[in-house]
C-alpha atoms as a PDB file:
ATOM      1  CA  UNK A   1     -26.990  67.877 -55.811  1.00  0.00           C
ATOM      2  CA  UNK A   2     -28.325  70.720 -53.073  1.00  0.00           C
ATOM      3  CA  UNK A   3     -28.001  69.760 -49.671  1.00  0.00           C
ATOM      4  CA  UNK A   4     -31.194  69.181 -47.358  1.00  0.00           C
ATOM      5  CA  UNK A   5     -32.214  70.547 -43.943  1.00  0.00           C
ATOM      6  CA  UNK A   6     -31.197  67.402 -42.561  1.00  0.00           C
ATOM      7  CA  UNK A   7     -27.713  67.514 -43.837  1.00  0.00           C
ATOM      8  CA  UNK A   8     -26.834  71.155 -42.707  1.00  0.00           C
ATOM      9  CA  UNK A   9     -28.663  69.825 -39.359  1.00  0.00           C
ATOM     10  CA  UNK A  10     -25.995  66.255 -38.875  1.00  0.00           C
ATOM     11  CA  UNK A  11     -23.367  68.835 -39.617  1.00  0.00           C
ATOM     12  CA  UNK A  12     -24.195  71.341 -37.509  1.00  0.00           C
ATOM     13  CA  UNK A  13     -23.906  67.825 -34.987  1.00  0.00           C
ATOM     14  CA  UNK A  14     -20.461  66.284 -35.958  1.00  0.00           C
ATOM     15  CA  UNK A  15     -19.226  69.756 -35.983  1.00  0.00           C
ATOM     16  CA  UNK A  16     -20.670  70.312 -31.732  1.00  0.00           C
ATOM     17  CA  UNK A  17     -19.418  67.041 -31.020  1.00  0.00           C
ATOM     18  CA  UNK A  18     -15.849  68.069 -32.198  1.00  0.00           C
ATOM     19  CA  UNK A  19     -15.947  71.291 -30.535  1.00  0.00           C
ATOM     20  CA  UNK A  20     -16.901  68.994 -27.521  1.00  0.00           C
ATOM     21  CA  UNK A  21     -13.928  66.506 -28.358  1.00  0.00           C
ATOM     22  CA  UNK A  22     -11.316  69.167 -28.697  1.00  0.00           C
ATOM     23  CA  UNK A  23     -11.989  71.348 -25.761  1.00  0.00           C
ATOM     24  CA  UNK A  24     -12.025  68.215 -24.001  1.00  0.00           C
ATOM     25  CA  UNK A  25      -8.621  66.486 -24.651  1.00  0.00           C
ATOM     26  CA  UNK A  26      -6.951  69.836 -25.651  1.00  0.00           C
ATOM     27  CA  UNK A  27      -8.811  72.722 -23.377  1.00  0.00           C
ATOM     28  CA  UNK A  28     -10.602  76.105 -23.876  1.00  0.00           C
ATOM     29  CA  UNK A  29      -7.144  77.419 -25.346  1.00  0.00           C
ATOM     30  CA  UNK A  30      -6.711  74.735 -27.949  1.00  0.00           C
ATOM     31  CA  UNK A  31     -10.189  75.201 -29.213  1.00  0.00           C
ATOM     32  CA  UNK A  32      -8.784  76.262 -32.919  1.00  0.00           C
ATOM     33  CA  UNK A  33     -10.894  76.260 -35.575  1.00  0.00           C
ATOM     34  CA  UNK A  34      -7.970  73.596 -37.341  1.00  0.00           C
ATOM     35  CA  UNK A  35      -8.377  71.748 -34.316  1.00  0.00           C
ATOM     36  CA  UNK A  36     -11.935  71.448 -34.768  1.00  0.00           C
ATOM     37  CA  UNK A  37     -11.957  70.797 -38.185  1.00  0.00           C
ATOM     38  CA  UNK A  38      -9.502  68.101 -37.884  1.00  0.00           C
ATOM     39  CA  UNK A  39     -11.559  66.385 -35.492  1.00  0.00           C
ATOM     40  CA  UNK A  40     -14.395  66.448 -37.482  1.00  0.00           C
ATOM     41  CA  UNK A  41     -12.376  65.423 -40.818  1.00  0.00           C
ATOM     42  CA  UNK A  42     -13.707  69.013 -42.670  1.00  0.00           C
ATOM     43  CA  UNK A  43     -11.746  71.768 -44.273  1.00  0.00           C
ATOM     44  CA  UNK A  44     -11.509  74.329 -42.494  1.00  0.00           C
ATOM     45  CA  UNK A  45     -13.110  76.591 -45.205  1.00  0.00           C
ATOM     46  CA  UNK A  46     -15.665  74.133 -45.256  1.00  0.00           C
ATOM     47  CA  UNK A  47     -15.681  74.922 -40.500  1.00  0.00           C
ATOM     48  CA  UNK A  48     -16.031  78.729 -41.832  1.00  0.00           C
ATOM     49  CA  UNK A  49     -19.332  78.081 -42.956  1.00  0.00           C
ATOM     50  CA  UNK A  50     -20.518  77.530 -39.603  1.00  0.00           C
ATOM     51  CA  UNK A  51     -18.223  79.797 -37.925  1.00  0.00           C
ATOM     52  CA  UNK A  52     -16.468  82.608 -39.887  1.00  0.00           C
ATOM     53  CA  UNK A  53     -14.632  83.775 -36.917  1.00  0.00           C
ATOM     54  CA  UNK A  54     -12.730  81.949 -33.928  1.00  0.00           C
ATOM     55  CA  UNK A  55     -14.543  84.729 -31.690  1.00  0.00           C
ATOM     56  CA  UNK A  56     -18.001  83.087 -33.704  1.00  0.00           C
ATOM     57  CA  UNK A  57     -16.119  79.568 -32.505  1.00  0.00           C
ATOM     58  CA  UNK A  58     -15.680  80.400 -28.526  1.00  0.00           C
ATOM     59  CA  UNK A  59     -19.156  81.809 -28.415  1.00  0.00           C
ATOM     60  CA  UNK A  60     -20.807  78.674 -30.200  1.00  0.00           C
ATOM     61  CA  UNK A  61     -18.461  76.592 -27.916  1.00  0.00           C
ATOM     62  CA  UNK A  62     -19.331  78.533 -24.453  1.00  0.00           C
ATOM     63  CA  UNK A  63     -23.756  77.777 -25.590  1.00  0.00           C
ATOM     64  CA  UNK A  64     -22.536  74.137 -26.233  1.00  0.00           C
ATOM     65  CA  UNK A  65     -20.982  73.762 -22.931  1.00  0.00           C
ATOM     66  CA  UNK A  66     -23.821  75.927 -20.863  1.00  0.00           C
ATOM     67  CA  UNK A  67     -26.639  73.576 -23.040  1.00  0.00           C
ATOM     68  CA  UNK A  68     -25.025  70.275 -21.554  1.00  0.00           C
ATOM     69  CA  UNK A  69     -24.344  71.216 -18.020  1.00  0.00           C
ATOM     70  CA  UNK A  70     -27.618  72.305 -18.470  1.00  0.00           C
ATOM     71  CA  UNK A  71     -29.425  69.424 -19.330  1.00  0.00           C
ATOM     72  CA  UNK A  72     -27.393  66.552 -17.410  1.00  0.00           C
ATOM     73  CA  UNK A  73     -29.198  64.675 -15.412  1.00  0.00           C
ATOM     74  CA  UNK A  74     -29.291  65.803 -11.065  1.00  0.00           C
ATOM     75  CA  UNK A  75     -29.346  64.256  -8.122  1.00  0.00           C
ATOM     76  CA  UNK A  76     -32.917  64.421  -6.509  1.00  0.00           C
ATOM     77  CA  UNK A  77     -32.190  62.589  -2.988  1.00  0.00           C
ATOM     78  CA  UNK A  78     -34.809  64.866  -1.079  1.00  0.00           C
ATOM     79  CA  UNK A  79     -34.588  67.984   0.740  1.00  0.00           C
ATOM     80  CA  UNK A  80     -32.679  70.584   2.786  1.00  0.00           C
ATOM     81  CA  UNK A  81     -29.259  68.810   3.976  1.00  0.00           C
ATOM     82  CA  UNK A  82     -29.661  66.361   1.352  1.00  0.00           C
ATOM     83  CA  UNK A  83     -30.632  68.546  -1.199  1.00  0.00           C
ATOM     84  CA  UNK A  84     -27.675  71.169  -0.345  1.00  0.00           C
ATOM     85  CA  UNK A  85     -25.252  68.174  -0.697  1.00  0.00           C
ATOM     86  CA  UNK A  86     -27.081  66.901  -4.376  1.00  0.00           C
ATOM     87  CA  UNK A  87     -25.899  70.235  -5.644  1.00  0.00           C
ATOM     88  CA  UNK A  88     -22.990  70.384  -4.856  1.00  0.00           C
ATOM     89  CA  UNK A  89     -21.799  66.587  -5.707  1.00  0.00           C
ATOM     90  CA  UNK A  90     -23.336  67.339  -9.101  1.00  0.00           C
ATOM     91  CA  UNK A  91     -20.769  70.253  -9.854  1.00  0.00           C
ATOM     92  CA  UNK A  92     -17.934  68.105  -8.506  1.00  0.00           C
ATOM     93  CA  UNK A  93     -15.754  65.932 -11.163  1.00  0.00           C
ATOM     94  CA  UNK A  94     -16.862  62.631  -9.245  1.00  0.00           C
ATOM     95  CA  UNK A  95     -16.815  60.644 -13.745  1.00  0.00           C
ATOM     96  CA  UNK A  96     -15.107  61.111 -16.611  1.00  0.00           C
ATOM     97  CA  UNK A  97     -17.677  63.072 -18.185  1.00  0.00           C
ATOM     98  CA  UNK A  98     -18.132  65.319 -15.160  1.00  0.00           C
ATOM     99  CA  UNK A  99     -14.362  65.863 -15.172  1.00  0.00           C
ATOM    100  CA  UNK A 100     -14.399  67.003 -19.138  1.00  0.00           C
ATOM    101  CA  UNK A 101     -17.129  69.358 -18.216  1.00  0.00           C
ATOM    102  CA  UNK A 102     -14.598  71.341 -15.539  1.00  0.00           C
ATOM    103  CA  UNK A 103     -11.698  70.667 -16.760  1.00  0.00           C
ATOM    104  CA  UNK A 104     -13.657  72.752 -19.824  1.00  0.00           C
ATOM    105  CA  UNK A 105     -14.989  75.104 -17.577  1.00  0.00           C
ATOM    106  CA  UNK A 106     -12.119  76.397 -15.763  1.00  0.00           C
ATOM    107  CA  UNK A 107      -9.996  76.261 -18.945  1.00  0.00           C
ATOM    108  CA  UNK A 108     -12.879  78.702 -20.070  1.00  0.00           C
ATOM    109  CA  UNK A 109     -11.975  80.926 -17.368  1.00  0.00           C
ATOM    110  CA  UNK A 110      -8.826  83.076 -18.656  1.00  0.00           C
ATOM    111  CA  UNK A 111     -10.596  83.854 -21.975  1.00  0.00           C
ATOM    112  CA  UNK A 112     -14.472  85.408 -19.974  1.00  0.00           C
ATOM    113  CA  UNK A 113     -12.035  86.799 -17.994  1.00  0.00           C
ATOM    114  CA  UNK A 114     -10.166  89.341 -20.585  1.00  0.00           C
ATOM    115  CA  UNK A 115     -13.496  89.573 -22.216  1.00  0.00           C
ATOM    116  CA  UNK A 116     -16.108  92.178 -20.861  1.00  0.00           C
ATOM    117  CA  UNK A 117     -19.478  90.111 -21.989  1.00  0.00           C
ATOM    118  CA  UNK A 118     -17.695  87.165 -21.294  1.00  0.00           C
ATOM    119  CA  UNK A 119     -17.085  87.815 -17.577  1.00  0.00           C
ATOM    120  CA  UNK A 120     -20.273  89.104 -17.263  1.00  0.00           C
ATOM    121  CA  UNK A 121     -22.471  85.838 -18.816  1.00  0.00           C
ATOM    122  CA  UNK A 122     -20.050  83.877 -16.429  1.00  0.00           C
ATOM    123  CA  UNK A 123     -21.172  86.808 -13.176  1.00  0.00           C
ATOM    124  CA  UNK A 124     -24.591  85.793 -14.050  1.00  0.00           C
ATOM    125  CA  UNK A 125     -24.062  82.276 -14.249  1.00  0.00           C
ATOM    126  CA  UNK A 126     -22.384  82.039 -11.070  1.00  0.00           C
ATOM    127  CA  UNK A 127     -24.876  84.459  -9.493  1.00  0.00           C
ATOM    128  CA  UNK A 128     -27.232  81.946 -11.062  1.00  0.00           C
ATOM    129  CA  UNK A 129     -26.094  79.123  -9.158  1.00  0.00           C
ATOM    130  CA  UNK A 130     -25.707  80.489  -5.583  1.00  0.00           C
ATOM    131  CA  UNK A 131     -29.267  81.518  -5.411  1.00  0.00           C
ATOM    132  CA  UNK A 132     -30.736  78.533  -6.803  1.00  0.00           C
ATOM    133  CA  UNK A 133     -28.186  76.930  -3.493  1.00  0.00           C
ATOM    134  CA  UNK A 134     -29.323  79.527  -1.308  1.00  0.00           C
ATOM    135  CA  UNK A 135     -33.158  78.134  -1.653  1.00  0.00           C
ATOM    136  CA  UNK A 136     -32.297  74.760  -1.004  1.00  0.00           C
ATOM    137  CA  UNK A 137     -29.628  76.082   2.040  1.00  0.00           C
ATOM    138  CA  UNK A 138     -33.426  78.356   3.225  1.00  0.00           C
ATOM    139  CA  UNK A 139     -34.798  75.044   3.606  1.00  0.00           C
ATOM    140  CA  UNK A 140     -31.987  72.817   5.296  1.00  0.00           C
ATOM    141  CA  UNK A 141     -32.383  76.450   7.537  1.00  0.00           C
ATOM    142  CA  UNK A 142     -36.071  75.769   8.046  1.00  0.00           C
ATOM    143  CA  UNK A 143     -35.615  71.807   8.965  1.00  0.00           C
ATOM    144  CA  UNK A 144     -32.997  72.750  11.663  1.00  0.00           C
ATOM    145  CA  UNK A 145     -30.933  71.289   9.755  1.00  0.00           C
ATOM    146  CA  UNK A 146     -28.212  74.484   8.888  1.00  0.00           C
ATOM    147  CA  UNK A 147     -27.841  76.603  11.408  1.00  0.00           C
ATOM    148  CA  UNK A 148     -29.300  79.720  11.641  1.00  0.00           C
ATOM    149  CA  UNK A 149     -27.970  82.218   9.191  1.00  0.00           C
ATOM    150  CA  UNK A 150     -27.868  84.536   6.086  1.00  0.00           C
ATOM    151  CA  UNK A 151     -28.206  81.281   3.642  1.00  0.00           C
ATOM    152  CA  UNK A 152     -26.526  83.255   0.730  1.00  0.00           C
ATOM    153  CA  UNK A 153     -23.383  83.761   2.499  1.00  0.00           C
ATOM    154  CA  UNK A 154     -24.076  80.161   3.667  1.00  0.00           C
ATOM    155  CA  UNK A 155     -24.127  79.314  -0.186  1.00  0.00           C
ATOM    156  CA  UNK A 156     -20.958  81.306  -1.148  1.00  0.00           C
ATOM    157  CA  UNK A 157     -18.865  79.573   0.948  1.00  0.00           C
ATOM    158  CA  UNK A 158     -20.826  76.610   0.021  1.00  0.00           C
ATOM    159  CA  UNK A 159     -20.100  77.672  -4.001  1.00  0.00           C
ATOM    160  CA  UNK A 160     -16.846  78.930  -2.810  1.00  0.00           C
ATOM    161  CA  UNK A 161     -15.584  75.717  -1.208  1.00  0.00           C
ATOM    162  CA  UNK A 162     -16.531  72.776  -4.050  1.00  0.00           C
ATOM    163  CA  UNK A 163     -15.166  75.570  -6.766  1.00  0.00           C
ATOM    164  CA  UNK A 164     -12.103  75.016  -5.258  1.00  0.00           C
ATOM    165  CA  UNK A 165     -11.838  71.712  -4.735  1.00  0.00           C
ATOM    166  CA  UNK A 166     -12.772  71.494  -8.453  1.00  0.00           C
ATOM    167  CA  UNK A 167     -10.059  72.914  -9.180  1.00  0.00           C
ATOM    168  CA  UNK A 168      -7.524  70.945  -6.816  1.00  0.00           C
ATOM    169  CA  UNK A 169      -8.782  68.431  -8.477  1.00  0.00           C
ATOM    170  CA  UNK A 170      -8.431  68.937 -11.663  1.00  0.00           C
ATOM    171  CA  UNK A 171      -4.628  69.275 -11.238  1.00  0.00           C
ATOM    172  CA  UNK A 172      -4.095  66.538  -9.258  1.00  0.00           C
ATOM    173  CA  UNK A 173      -6.672  63.808  -9.644  1.00  0.00           C
ATOM    174  CA  UNK A 174      -4.381  60.738  -7.772  1.00  0.00           C
ATOM    175  CA  UNK A 175      -4.906  62.562  -4.634  1.00  0.00           C
ATOM    176  CA  UNK A 176      -8.552  63.905  -5.225  1.00  0.00           C
ATOM    177  CA  UNK A 177      -9.936  60.339  -6.318  1.00  0.00           C
ATOM    178  CA  UNK A 178     -14.191  60.200  -6.206  1.00  0.00           C
ATOM    179  CA  UNK A 179     -14.555  58.780  -2.728  1.00  0.00           C
ATOM    180  CA  UNK A 180     -11.915  61.297  -1.947  1.00  0.00           C
ATOM    181  CA  UNK A 181     -14.312  64.105  -3.277  1.00  0.00           C
ATOM    182  CA  UNK A 182     -17.238  63.142  -1.679  1.00  0.00           C
ATOM    183  CA  UNK A 183     -15.153  62.682   2.175  1.00  0.00           C
ATOM    184  CA  UNK A 184     -14.370  66.327   2.106  1.00  0.00           C
ATOM    185  CA  UNK A 185     -17.510  67.254   0.860  1.00  0.00           C
ATOM    186  CA  UNK A 186     -18.984  65.480   3.710  1.00  0.00           C
ATOM    187  CA  UNK A 187     -16.622  66.432   6.077  1.00  0.00           C
ATOM    188  CA  UNK A 188     -17.749  70.847   5.165  1.00  0.00           C
ATOM    189  CA  UNK A 189     -21.307  69.932   5.266  1.00  0.00           C
ATOM    190  CA  UNK A 190     -20.589  68.113   8.604  1.00  0.00           C
ATOM    191  CA  UNK A 191     -18.168  71.583  10.270  1.00  0.00           C
ATOM    192  CA  UNK A 192     -21.284  73.573   9.115  1.00  0.00           C
ATOM    193  CA  UNK A 193     -23.632  71.674  10.735  1.00  0.00           C
ATOM    194  CA  UNK A 194     -22.148  71.061  13.883  1.00  0.00           C
ATOM    195  CA  UNK A 195     -22.321  75.348  14.571  1.00  0.00           C
ATOM    196  CA  UNK A 196     -26.271  74.243  15.211  1.00  0.00           C
END
């Protein structure tokens, strides 16, 4: 009996979940056709129907990660400094799901750094994130909640702070539980506002 389009789509969803699970538990380096096939309970031969090469699997995994990142719910506390804080909190690994996402992003950096196309894409994503943060910083400055100055510089510093904190959390989660992460972020923002 021939497969229907619904079967194909259901199998793609299964494969997507398996790719996600492998990345979350084994990191990006553990993402192989064999590992995904074992997770989904299929043969590598079946998997090559969807991903003829490891590079195709990696591209798909990065697209999947981007889709999940973009579609997850975001905090919306208001405007000004509260909006800046919310954007930075959304990056931190404060929940198991956010920890998995961050673990996958960080483990994918090595692959992205060695591939010029991926590296360019990552640079674009981080620049877009800074641009969105810059808009929030500028709004907080207009409300006199942040000091004057180039909002892009302030946004770049805030992004660098929070990404550095993400890396520390991933390597030493016991030292940086969620409450501690929030405290450190609030201390960072307090230092920014103190210079008003």
